[in-house]
Amino acid sequence: MNTDETTQQSMAQGIASLLTPVVTDMDKAIVSAQKSQEDLGKEIERLITELEHFKDIAEPPQLHPALEKLTESRKKLASANKLMQQTQLRVQRMEAQLQPSST
């Protein structure tokens, strides 16, 4: 191995050692956010189900605006979840690239 290759390898290892903890932390934060989003989604579904029981009674309280807001929140949540999944895939690709090669 010549000096240039050794320098490049040392540089690559240095960069990888700097970036690996950051990428790992990002991945953990994404997983945590996905869990929170999943919990929020379940709660939205529960509330929608609960409110739908009241929509057919003779004089229902004004639930339609609340149902619309919850439905819109569910759409936004789905969009945010999709974006987080895409971000997590990118982070996982970065982690894979930062792993030392076995060559």
PDB file of N, CA and C in Angstrom:
ATOM      1  N   MET A   1       0.855  -1.160   0.000  1.00  0.00           N
ATOM      2  CA  MET A   1       0.000   0.000   0.000  1.00  0.00           C
ATOM      3  C   MET A   1       0.908   1.233   0.000  1.00  0.00           C
ATOM      4  N   ASN A   2       0.647   2.164  -0.922  1.00  0.00           N
ATOM      5  CA  ASN A   2       1.501   3.341  -0.966  1.00  0.00           C
ATOM      6  C   ASN A   2       0.986   4.433  -0.030  1.00  0.00           C
ATOM      7  N   THR A   3       1.741   5.509   0.083  1.00  0.00           N
ATOM      8  CA  THR A   3       1.435   6.582   1.025  1.00  0.00           C
ATOM      9  C   THR A   3       0.100   7.245   0.724  1.00  0.00           C
ATOM     10  N   ASP A   4      -0.216   7.455  -0.562  1.00  0.00           N
ATOM     11  CA  ASP A   4      -1.492   8.087  -0.930  1.00  0.00           C
ATOM     12  C   ASP A   4      -2.680   7.230  -0.506  1.00  0.00           C
ATOM     13  N   GLU A   5      -2.575   5.926  -0.729  1.00  0.00           N
ATOM     14  CA  GLU A   5      -3.659   5.033  -0.340  1.00  0.00           C
ATOM     15  C   GLU A   5      -3.830   5.007   1.177  1.00  0.00           C
ATOM     16  N   THR A   6      -2.720   5.002   1.886  1.00  0.00           N
ATOM     17  CA  THR A   6      -2.761   5.000   3.348  1.00  0.00           C
ATOM     18  C   THR A   6      -3.402   6.295   3.852  1.00  0.00           C
ATOM     19  N   THR A   7      -3.033   7.414   3.256  1.00  0.00           N
ATOM     20  CA  THR A   7      -3.598   8.705   3.643  1.00  0.00           C
ATOM     21  C   THR A   7      -5.092   8.735   3.365  1.00  0.00           C
ATOM     22  N   GLN A   8      -5.490   8.260   2.203  1.00  0.00           N
ATOM     23  CA  GLN A   8      -6.913   8.242   1.849  1.00  0.00           C
ATOM     24  C   GLN A   8      -7.693   7.340   2.801  1.00  0.00           C
ATOM     25  N   GLN A   9      -7.120   6.199   3.115  1.00  0.00           N
ATOM     26  CA  GLN A   9      -7.796   5.270   4.017  1.00  0.00           C
ATOM     27  C   GLN A   9      -7.917   5.866   5.413  1.00  0.00           C
ATOM     28  N   SER A  10      -6.859   6.509   5.880  1.00  0.00           N
ATOM     29  CA  SER A  10      -6.892   7.150   7.204  1.00  0.00           C
ATOM     30  C   SER A  10      -7.919   8.270   7.225  1.00  0.00           C
ATOM     31  N   MET A  11      -7.969   9.028   6.155  1.00  0.00           N
ATOM     32  CA  MET A  11      -8.929  10.124   6.052  1.00  0.00           C
ATOM     33  C   MET A  11     -10.362   9.582   6.047  1.00  0.00           C
ATOM     34  N   ALA A  12     -10.600   8.546   5.289  1.00  0.00           N
ATOM     35  CA  ALA A  12     -11.931   7.937   5.222  1.00  0.00           C
ATOM     36  C   ALA A  12     -12.345   7.395   6.583  1.00  0.00           C
ATOM     37  N   GLN A  13     -11.420   6.754   7.272  1.00  0.00           N
ATOM     38  CA  GLN A  13     -11.721   6.228   8.610  1.00  0.00           C
ATOM     39  C   GLN A  13     -12.007   7.359   9.591  1.00  0.00           C
ATOM     40  N   GLY A  14     -11.280   8.458   9.480  1.00  0.00           N
ATOM     41  CA  GLY A  14     -11.500   9.609  10.352  1.00  0.00           C
ATOM     42  C   GLY A  14     -12.868  10.228  10.130  1.00  0.00           C
ATOM     43  N   ILE A  15     -13.233  10.396   8.869  1.00  0.00           N
ATOM     44  CA  ILE A  15     -14.546  10.954   8.534  1.00  0.00           C
ATOM     45  C   ILE A  15     -15.648  10.021   9.013  1.00  0.00           C
ATOM     46  N   ALA A  16     -15.457   8.742   8.781  1.00  0.00           N
ATOM     47  CA  ALA A  16     -16.461   7.759   9.220  1.00  0.00           C
ATOM     48  C   ALA A  16     -16.607   7.777  10.739  1.00  0.00           C
ATOM     49  N   SER A  17     -15.500   7.898  11.456  1.00  0.00           N
ATOM     50  CA  SER A  17     -15.590   7.911  12.923  1.00  0.00           C
ATOM     51  C   SER A  17     -16.277   9.168  13.429  1.00  0.00           C
ATOM     52  N   LEU A  18     -16.195  10.257  12.685  1.00  0.00           N
ATOM     53  CA  LEU A  18     -16.896  11.482  13.061  1.00  0.00           C
ATOM     54  C   LEU A  18     -18.395  11.394  12.747  1.00  0.00           C
ATOM     55  N   LEU A  19     -18.727  10.812  11.614  1.00  0.00           N
ATOM     56  CA  LEU A  19     -20.117  10.792  11.166  1.00  0.00           C
ATOM     57  C   LEU A  19     -20.944   9.659  11.764  1.00  0.00           C
ATOM     58  N   THR A  20     -20.322   8.559  12.086  1.00  0.00           N
ATOM     59  CA  THR A  20     -21.075   7.396  12.581  1.00  0.00           C
ATOM     60  C   THR A  20     -21.934   7.725  13.801  1.00  0.00           C
ATOM     61  N   PRO A  21     -21.417   8.396  14.834  1.00  0.00           N
ATOM     62  CA  PRO A  21     -22.279   8.700  15.988  1.00  0.00           C
ATOM     63  C   PRO A  21     -23.455   9.616  15.620  1.00  0.00           C
ATOM     64  N   VAL A  22     -23.223  10.559  14.725  1.00  0.00           N
ATOM     65  CA  VAL A  22     -24.289  11.478  14.315  1.00  0.00           C
ATOM     66  C   VAL A  22     -25.387  10.715  13.578  1.00  0.00           C
ATOM     67  N   VAL A  23     -24.985   9.859  12.667  1.00  0.00           N
ATOM     68  CA  VAL A  23     -25.954   9.080  11.896  1.00  0.00           C
ATOM     69  C   VAL A  23     -26.706   8.125  12.818  1.00  0.00           C
ATOM     70  N   THR A  24     -26.007   7.517  13.757  1.00  0.00           N
ATOM     71  CA  THR A  24     -26.655   6.611  14.709  1.00  0.00           C
ATOM     72  C   THR A  24     -27.671   7.366  15.559  1.00  0.00           C
ATOM     73  N   ASP A  25     -27.308   8.551  16.034  1.00  0.00           N
ATOM     74  CA  ASP A  25     -28.240   9.368  16.820  1.00  0.00           C
ATOM     75  C   ASP A  25     -29.457   9.766  15.993  1.00  0.00           C
ATOM     76  N   MET A  26     -29.232  10.117  14.737  1.00  0.00           N
ATOM     77  CA  MET A  26     -30.355  10.469  13.855  1.00  0.00           C
ATOM     78  C   MET A  26     -31.297   9.279  13.693  1.00  0.00           C
ATOM     79  N   ASP A  27     -30.728   8.118  13.516  1.00  0.00           N
ATOM     80  CA  ASP A  27     -31.542   6.921  13.331  1.00  0.00           C
ATOM     81  C   ASP A  27     -32.382   6.656  14.578  1.00  0.00           C
ATOM     82  N   LYS A  28     -31.789   6.797  15.750  1.00  0.00           N
ATOM     83  CA  LYS A  28     -32.535   6.589  16.999  1.00  0.00           C
ATOM     84  C   LYS A  28     -33.649   7.617  17.139  1.00  0.00           C
ATOM     85  N   ALA A  29     -33.369   8.859  16.773  1.00  0.00           N
ATOM     86  CA  ALA A  29     -34.384   9.910  16.868  1.00  0.00           C
ATOM     87  C   ALA A  29     -35.530   9.648  15.902  1.00  0.00           C
ATOM     88  N   ILE A  30     -35.225   9.149  14.718  1.00  0.00           N
ATOM     89  CA  ILE A  30     -36.258   8.840  13.737  1.00  0.00           C
ATOM     90  C   ILE A  30     -37.136   7.704  14.237  1.00  0.00           C
ATOM     91  N   VAL A  31     -36.528   6.681  14.806  1.00  0.00           N
ATOM     92  CA  VAL A  31     -37.297   5.552  15.341  1.00  0.00           C
ATOM     93  C   VAL A  31     -38.221   6.032  16.462  1.00  0.00           C
ATOM     94  N   SER A  32     -37.703   6.884  17.327  1.00  0.00           N
ATOM     95  CA  SER A  32     -38.507   7.433  18.425  1.00  0.00           C
ATOM     96  C   SER A  32     -39.664   8.270  17.881  1.00  0.00           C
ATOM     97  N   ALA A  33     -39.390   9.093  16.889  1.00  0.00           N
ATOM     98  CA  ALA A  33     -40.450   9.916  16.293  1.00  0.00           C
ATOM     99  C   ALA A  33     -41.495   9.044  15.610  1.00  0.00           C
ATOM    100  N   GLN A  34     -41.062   7.978  14.959  1.00  0.00           N
ATOM    101  CA  GLN A  34     -42.019   7.077  14.319  1.00  0.00           C
ATOM    102  C   GLN A  34     -42.925   6.424  15.354  1.00  0.00           C
ATOM    103  N   LYS A  35     -42.376   6.058  16.492  1.00  0.00           N
ATOM    104  CA  LYS A  35     -43.181   5.465  17.563  1.00  0.00           C
ATOM    105  C   LYS A  35     -44.222   6.471  18.058  1.00  0.00           C
ATOM    106  N   SER A  36     -43.786   7.713  18.250  1.00  0.00           N
ATOM    107  CA  SER A  36     -44.717   8.758  18.685  1.00  0.00           C
ATOM    108  C   SER A  36     -45.805   8.994  17.640  1.00  0.00           C
ATOM    109  N   GLN A  37     -45.419   9.001  16.386  1.00  0.00           N
ATOM    110  CA  GLN A  37     -46.391   9.187  15.309  1.00  0.00           C
ATOM    111  C   GLN A  37     -47.387   8.030  15.281  1.00  0.00           C
ATOM    112  N   GLU A  38     -46.891   6.831  15.511  1.00  0.00           N
ATOM    113  CA  GLU A  38     -47.763   5.657  15.536  1.00  0.00           C
ATOM    114  C   GLU A  38     -48.772   5.778  16.679  1.00  0.00           C
ATOM    115  N   ASP A  39     -48.305   6.198  17.853  1.00  0.00           N
ATOM    116  CA  ASP A  39     -49.204   6.403  18.994  1.00  0.00           C
ATOM    117  C   ASP A  39     -50.239   7.480  18.695  1.00  0.00           C
ATOM    118  N   LEU A  40     -49.791   8.562  18.078  1.00  0.00           N
ATOM    119  CA  LEU A  40     -50.712   9.638  17.708  1.00  0.00           C
ATOM    120  C   LEU A  40     -51.753   9.150  16.713  1.00  0.00           C
ATOM    121  N   GLY A  41     -51.325   8.362  15.743  1.00  0.00           N
ATOM    122  CA  GLY A  41     -52.252   7.804  14.755  1.00  0.00           C
ATOM    123  C   GLY A  41     -53.312   6.936  15.406  1.00  0.00           C
ATOM    124  N   LYS A  42     -52.898   6.126  16.362  1.00  0.00           N
ATOM    125  CA  LYS A  42     -53.865   5.278  17.072  1.00  0.00           C
ATOM    126  C   LYS A  42     -54.864   6.124  17.847  1.00  0.00           C
ATOM    127  N   GLU A  43     -54.384   7.183  18.466  1.00  0.00           N
ATOM    128  CA  GLU A  43     -55.272   8.060  19.239  1.00  0.00           C
ATOM    129  C   GLU A  43     -56.253   8.792  18.317  1.00  0.00           C
ATOM    130  N   ILE A  44     -55.775   9.236  17.165  1.00  0.00           N
ATOM    131  CA  ILE A  44     -56.672   9.886  16.193  1.00  0.00           C
ATOM    132  C   ILE A  44     -57.754   8.912  15.751  1.00  0.00           C
ATOM    133  N   GLU A  45     -57.363   7.684  15.445  1.00  0.00           N
ATOM    134  CA  GLU A  45     -58.346   6.674  15.035  1.00  0.00           C
ATOM    135  C   GLU A  45     -59.369   6.424  16.138  1.00  0.00           C
ATOM    136  N   ARG A  46     -58.888   6.353  17.377  1.00  0.00           N
ATOM    137  CA  ARG A  46     -59.785   6.127  18.508  1.00  0.00           C
ATOM    138  C   ARG A  46     -60.786   7.283  18.643  1.00  0.00           C
ATOM    139  N   LEU A  47     -60.288   8.510  18.510  1.00  0.00           N
ATOM    140  CA  LEU A  47     -61.167   9.672  18.621  1.00  0.00           C
ATOM    141  C   LEU A  47     -62.191   9.727  17.497  1.00  0.00           C
ATOM    142  N   ILE A  48     -61.777   9.413  16.305  1.00  0.00           N
ATOM    143  CA  ILE A  48     -62.710   9.406  15.173  1.00  0.00           C
ATOM    144  C   ILE A  48     -63.805   8.380  15.421  1.00  0.00           C
ATOM    145  N   THR A  49     -63.419   7.194  15.845  1.00  0.00           N
ATOM    146  CA  THR A  49     -64.393   6.144  16.134  1.00  0.00           C
ATOM    147  C   THR A  49     -65.361   6.591  17.227  1.00  0.00           C
ATOM    148  N   GLU A  50     -64.818   7.201  18.254  1.00  0.00           N
ATOM    149  CA  GLU A  50     -65.630   7.673  19.381  1.00  0.00           C
ATOM    150  C   GLU A  50     -66.610   8.758  18.931  1.00  0.00           C
ATOM    151  N   LEU A  51     -66.135   9.697  18.140  1.00  0.00           N
ATOM    152  CA  LEU A  51     -66.993  10.801  17.696  1.00  0.00           C
ATOM    153  C   LEU A  51     -68.056  10.349  16.699  1.00  0.00           C
ATOM    154  N   GLU A  52     -67.757   9.329  15.919  1.00  0.00           N
ATOM    155  CA  GLU A  52     -68.727   8.852  14.940  1.00  0.00           C
ATOM    156  C   GLU A  52     -69.961   8.239  15.601  1.00  0.00           C
ATOM    157  N   HIS A  53     -69.842   7.818  16.844  1.00  0.00           N
ATOM    158  CA  HIS A  53     -71.001   7.300  17.567  1.00  0.00           C
ATOM    159  C   HIS A  53     -72.053   8.389  17.762  1.00  0.00           C
ATOM    160  N   PHE A  54     -71.623   9.618  17.828  1.00  0.00           N
ATOM    161  CA  PHE A  54     -72.525  10.724  18.119  1.00  0.00           C
ATOM    162  C   PHE A  54     -73.091  11.409  16.881  1.00  0.00           C
ATOM    163  N   LYS A  55     -72.573  11.126  15.710  1.00  0.00           N
ATOM    164  CA  LYS A  55     -72.982  11.895  14.533  1.00  0.00           C
ATOM    165  C   LYS A  55     -74.402  11.590  14.078  1.00  0.00           C
ATOM    166  N   ASP A  56     -74.972  10.465  14.461  1.00  0.00           N
ATOM    167  CA  ASP A  56     -76.309  10.104  13.997  1.00  0.00           C
ATOM    168  C   ASP A  56     -77.404  10.334  15.037  1.00  0.00           C
ATOM    169  N   ILE A  57     -77.095  10.922  16.169  1.00  0.00           N
ATOM    170  CA  ILE A  57     -78.142  11.159  17.160  1.00  0.00           C
ATOM    171  C   ILE A  57     -78.979  12.369  16.746  1.00  0.00           C
ATOM    172  N   ALA A  58     -80.188  12.471  17.309  1.00  0.00           N
ATOM    173  CA  ALA A  58     -81.159  13.482  16.894  1.00  0.00           C
ATOM    174  C   ALA A  58     -80.590  14.898  16.917  1.00  0.00           C
ATOM    175  N   GLU A  59     -80.027  15.307  18.017  1.00  0.00           N
ATOM    176  CA  GLU A  59     -79.437  16.638  18.104  1.00  0.00           C
ATOM    177  C   GLU A  59     -77.973  16.509  18.520  1.00  0.00           C
ATOM    178  N   PRO A  60     -77.171  16.144  17.569  1.00  0.00           N
ATOM    179  CA  PRO A  60     -75.760  15.926  17.933  1.00  0.00           C
ATOM    180  C   PRO A  60     -75.059  17.252  18.210  1.00  0.00           C
ATOM    181  N   PRO A  61     -74.078  17.200  19.052  1.00  0.00           N
ATOM    182  CA  PRO A  61     -73.239  18.400  19.207  1.00  0.00           C
ATOM    183  C   PRO A  61     -72.515  18.637  17.880  1.00  0.00           C
ATOM    184  N   GLN A  62     -71.984  19.796  17.714  1.00  0.00           N
ATOM    185  CA  GLN A  62     -71.300  20.130  16.465  1.00  0.00           C
ATOM    186  C   GLN A  62     -69.974  19.377  16.359  1.00  0.00           C
ATOM    187  N   LEU A  63     -70.091  18.141  15.874  1.00  0.00           N
ATOM    188  CA  LEU A  63     -68.912  17.279  15.774  1.00  0.00           C
ATOM    189  C   LEU A  63     -68.280  17.287  14.391  1.00  0.00           C
ATOM    190  N   HIS A  64     -69.046  17.725  13.420  1.00  0.00           N
ATOM    191  CA  HIS A  64     -68.527  17.675  12.054  1.00  0.00           C
ATOM    192  C   HIS A  64     -67.190  18.427  11.914  1.00  0.00           C
ATOM    193  N   PRO A  65     -67.068  19.640  12.456  1.00  0.00           N
ATOM    194  CA  PRO A  65     -65.764  20.318  12.348  1.00  0.00           C
ATOM    195  C   PRO A  65     -64.633  19.533  13.024  1.00  0.00           C
ATOM    196  N   ALA A  66     -64.950  18.919  14.166  1.00  0.00           N
ATOM    197  CA  ALA A  66     -63.922  18.136  14.859  1.00  0.00           C
ATOM    198  C   ALA A  66     -63.524  16.919  14.041  1.00  0.00           C
ATOM    199  N   LEU A  67     -64.506  16.256  13.443  1.00  0.00           N
ATOM    200  CA  LEU A  67     -64.202  15.100  12.600  1.00  0.00           C
ATOM    201  C   LEU A  67     -63.358  15.502  11.395  1.00  0.00           C
ATOM    202  N   GLU A  68     -63.680  16.651  10.808  1.00  0.00           N
ATOM    203  CA  GLU A  68     -62.896  17.130   9.659  1.00  0.00           C
ATOM    204  C   GLU A  68     -61.451  17.410  10.072  1.00  0.00           C
ATOM    205  N   LYS A  69     -61.273  18.034  11.239  1.00  0.00           N
ATOM    206  CA  LYS A  69     -59.918  18.326  11.707  1.00  0.00           C
ATOM    207  C   LYS A  69     -59.140  17.043  11.973  1.00  0.00           C
ATOM    208  N   LEU A  70     -59.802  16.079  12.583  1.00  0.00           N
ATOM    209  CA  LEU A  70     -59.133  14.802  12.854  1.00  0.00           C
ATOM    210  C   LEU A  70     -58.772  14.080  11.558  1.00  0.00           C
ATOM    211  N   THR A  71     -59.671  14.120  10.600  1.00  0.00           N
ATOM    212  CA  THR A  71     -59.400  13.484   9.312  1.00  0.00           C
ATOM    213  C   THR A  71     -58.223  14.164   8.623  1.00  0.00           C
ATOM    214  N   GLU A  72     -58.186  15.488   8.684  1.00  0.00           N
ATOM    215  CA  GLU A  72     -57.066  16.225   8.091  1.00  0.00           C
ATOM    216  C   GLU A  72     -55.765  15.906   8.838  1.00  0.00           C
ATOM    217  N   SER A  73     -55.859  15.795  10.161  1.00  0.00           N
ATOM    218  CA  SER A  73     -54.675  15.437  10.956  1.00  0.00           C
ATOM    219  C   SER A  73     -54.170  14.051  10.584  1.00  0.00           C
ATOM    220  N   ARG A  74     -55.091  13.142  10.343  1.00  0.00           N
ATOM    221  CA  ARG A  74     -54.705  11.783   9.947  1.00  0.00           C
ATOM    222  C   ARG A  74     -53.953  11.813   8.621  1.00  0.00           C
ATOM    223  N   LYS A  75     -54.411  12.639   7.668  1.00  0.00           N
ATOM    224  CA  LYS A  75     -53.729  12.753   6.380  1.00  0.00           C
ATOM    225  C   LYS A  75     -52.328  13.326   6.562  1.00  0.00           C
ATOM    226  N   LYS A  76     -52.221  14.365   7.386  1.00  0.00           N
ATOM    227  CA  LYS A  76     -50.912  14.978   7.629  1.00  0.00           C
ATOM    228  C   LYS A  76     -49.972  13.995   8.322  1.00  0.00           C
ATOM    229  N   LEU A  77     -50.512  13.222   9.246  1.00  0.00           N
ATOM    230  CA  LEU A  77     -49.724  12.220   9.946  1.00  0.00           C
ATOM    231  C   LEU A  77     -49.199  11.170   8.972  1.00  0.00           C
ATOM    232  N   ALA A  78     -50.043  10.729   8.071  1.00  0.00           N
ATOM    233  CA  ALA A  78     -49.614   9.738   7.079  1.00  0.00           C
ATOM    234  C   ALA A  78     -48.497  10.305   6.202  1.00  0.00           C
ATOM    235  N   SER A  79     -48.638  11.564   5.834  1.00  0.00           N
ATOM    236  CA  SER A  79     -47.610  12.215   5.015  1.00  0.00           C
ATOM    237  C   SER A  79     -46.294  12.332   5.795  1.00  0.00           C
ATOM    238  N   ALA A  80     -46.392  12.724   7.057  1.00  0.00           N
ATOM    239  CA  ALA A  80     -45.185  12.843   7.883  1.00  0.00           C
ATOM    240  C   ALA A  80     -44.523  11.480   8.079  1.00  0.00           C
ATOM    241  N   ASN A  81     -45.333  10.436   8.266  1.00  0.00           N
ATOM    242  CA  ASN A  81     -44.781   9.091   8.428  1.00  0.00           C
ATOM    243  C   ASN A  81     -44.038   8.641   7.178  1.00  0.00           C
ATOM    244  N   LYS A  82     -44.602   8.951   6.026  1.00  0.00           N
ATOM    245  CA  LYS A  82     -43.945   8.581   4.762  1.00  0.00           C
ATOM    246  C   LYS A  82     -42.604   9.304   4.636  1.00  0.00           C
ATOM    247  N   LEU A  83     -42.588  10.574   4.988  1.00  0.00           N
ATOM    248  CA  LEU A  83     -41.353  11.344   4.928  1.00  0.00           C
ATOM    249  C   LEU A  83     -40.309  10.799   5.897  1.00  0.00           C
ATOM    250  N   MET A  84     -40.751  10.422   7.099  1.00  0.00           N
ATOM    251  CA  MET A  84     -39.813   9.843   8.067  1.00  0.00           C
ATOM    252  C   MET A  84     -39.266   8.511   7.592  1.00  0.00           C
ATOM    253  N   GLN A  85     -40.100   7.704   6.953  1.00  0.00           N
ATOM    254  CA  GLN A  85     -39.610   6.429   6.428  1.00  0.00           C
ATOM    255  C   GLN A  85     -38.557   6.658   5.366  1.00  0.00           C
ATOM    256  N   GLN A  86     -38.790   7.637   4.492  1.00  0.00           N
ATOM    257  CA  GLN A  86     -37.803   7.946   3.455  1.00  0.00           C
ATOM    258  C   GLN A  86     -36.501   8.438   4.090  1.00  0.00           C
ATOM    259  N   THR A  87     -36.634   9.272   5.119  1.00  0.00           N
ATOM    260  CA  THR A  87     -35.447   9.782   5.811  1.00  0.00           C
ATOM    261  C   THR A  87     -34.691   8.653   6.489  1.00  0.00           C
ATOM    262  N   GLN A  88     -35.430   7.739   7.113  1.00  0.00           N
ATOM    263  CA  GLN A  88     -34.769   6.624   7.784  1.00  0.00           C
ATOM    264  C   GLN A  88     -34.026   5.745   6.773  1.00  0.00           C
ATOM    265  N   LEU A  89     -34.601   5.534   5.610  1.00  0.00           N
ATOM    266  CA  LEU A  89     -33.899   4.761   4.584  1.00  0.00           C
ATOM    267  C   LEU A  89     -32.600   5.449   4.175  1.00  0.00           C
ATOM    268  N   ARG A  90     -32.641   6.770   4.061  1.00  0.00           N
ATOM    269  CA  ARG A  90     -31.425   7.510   3.712  1.00  0.00           C
ATOM    270  C   ARG A  90     -30.380   7.367   4.810  1.00  0.00           C
ATOM    271  N   VAL A  91     -30.818   7.476   6.056  1.00  0.00           N
ATOM    272  CA  VAL A  91     -29.889   7.344   7.183  1.00  0.00           C
ATOM    273  C   VAL A  91     -29.290   5.942   7.205  1.00  0.00           C
ATOM    274  N   GLN A  92     -30.104   4.932   6.946  1.00  0.00           N
ATOM    275  CA  GLN A  92     -29.592   3.563   6.926  1.00  0.00           C
ATOM    276  C   GLN A  92     -28.579   3.368   5.808  1.00  0.00           C
ATOM    277  N   ARG A  93     -28.815   4.003   4.648  1.00  0.00           N
ATOM    278  CA  ARG A  93     -27.830   3.916   3.561  1.00  0.00           C
ATOM    279  C   ARG A  93     -26.521   4.600   3.969  1.00  0.00           C
ATOM    280  N   MET A  94     -26.655   5.731   4.676  1.00  0.00           N
ATOM    281  CA  MET A  94     -25.448   6.423   5.144  1.00  0.00           C
ATOM    282  C   MET A  94     -24.697   5.552   6.144  1.00  0.00           C
ATOM    283  N   GLU A  95     -25.424   4.903   7.046  1.00  0.00           N
ATOM    284  CA  GLU A  95     -24.782   4.014   8.017  1.00  0.00           C
ATOM    285  C   GLU A  95     -24.047   2.891   7.304  1.00  0.00           C
ATOM    286  N   ALA A  96     -24.670   2.335   6.290  1.00  0.00           N
ATOM    287  CA  ALA A  96     -24.047   1.239   5.544  1.00  0.00           C
ATOM    288  C   ALA A  96     -22.771   1.719   4.858  1.00  0.00           C
ATOM    289  N   GLN A  97     -22.806   2.934   4.332  1.00  0.00           N
ATOM    290  CA  GLN A  97     -21.622   3.472   3.651  1.00  0.00           C
ATOM    291  C   GLN A  97     -20.509   3.786   4.644  1.00  0.00           C
ATOM    292  N   LEU A  98     -20.889   4.107   5.881  1.00  0.00           N
ATOM    293  CA  LEU A  98     -19.873   4.444   6.875  1.00  0.00           C
ATOM    294  C   LEU A  98     -19.238   3.225   7.522  1.00  0.00           C
ATOM    295  N   GLN A  99     -19.841   2.064   7.340  1.00  0.00           N
ATOM    296  CA  GLN A  99     -19.278   0.834   7.898  1.00  0.00           C
ATOM    297  C   GLN A  99     -17.937   0.561   7.203  1.00  0.00           C
ATOM    298  N   PRO A 100     -16.950   0.186   7.978  1.00  0.00           N
ATOM    299  CA  PRO A 100     -15.656  -0.122   7.361  1.00  0.00           C
ATOM    300  C   PRO A 100     -15.817  -1.296   6.393  1.00  0.00           C
ATOM    301  N   SER A 101     -15.212  -1.139   5.244  1.00  0.00           N
ATOM    302  CA  SER A 101     -15.294  -2.223   4.270  1.00  0.00           C
ATOM    303  C   SER A 101     -14.371  -3.350   4.675  1.00  0.00           C
ATOM    304  N   SER A 102     -14.741  -4.544   4.274  1.00  0.00           N
ATOM    305  CA  SER A 102     -13.958  -5.734   4.664  1.00  0.00           C
ATOM    306  C   SER A 102     -12.862  -6.045   3.662  1.00  0.00           C
ATOM    307  N   THR A 103     -12.590  -5.119   2.768  1.00  0.00           N
ATOM    308  CA  THR A 103     -11.526  -5.355   1.780  1.00  0.00           C
ATOM    309  C   THR A 103     -10.208  -4.832   2.239  1.00  0.00           C
TER     310      THR A 103
END
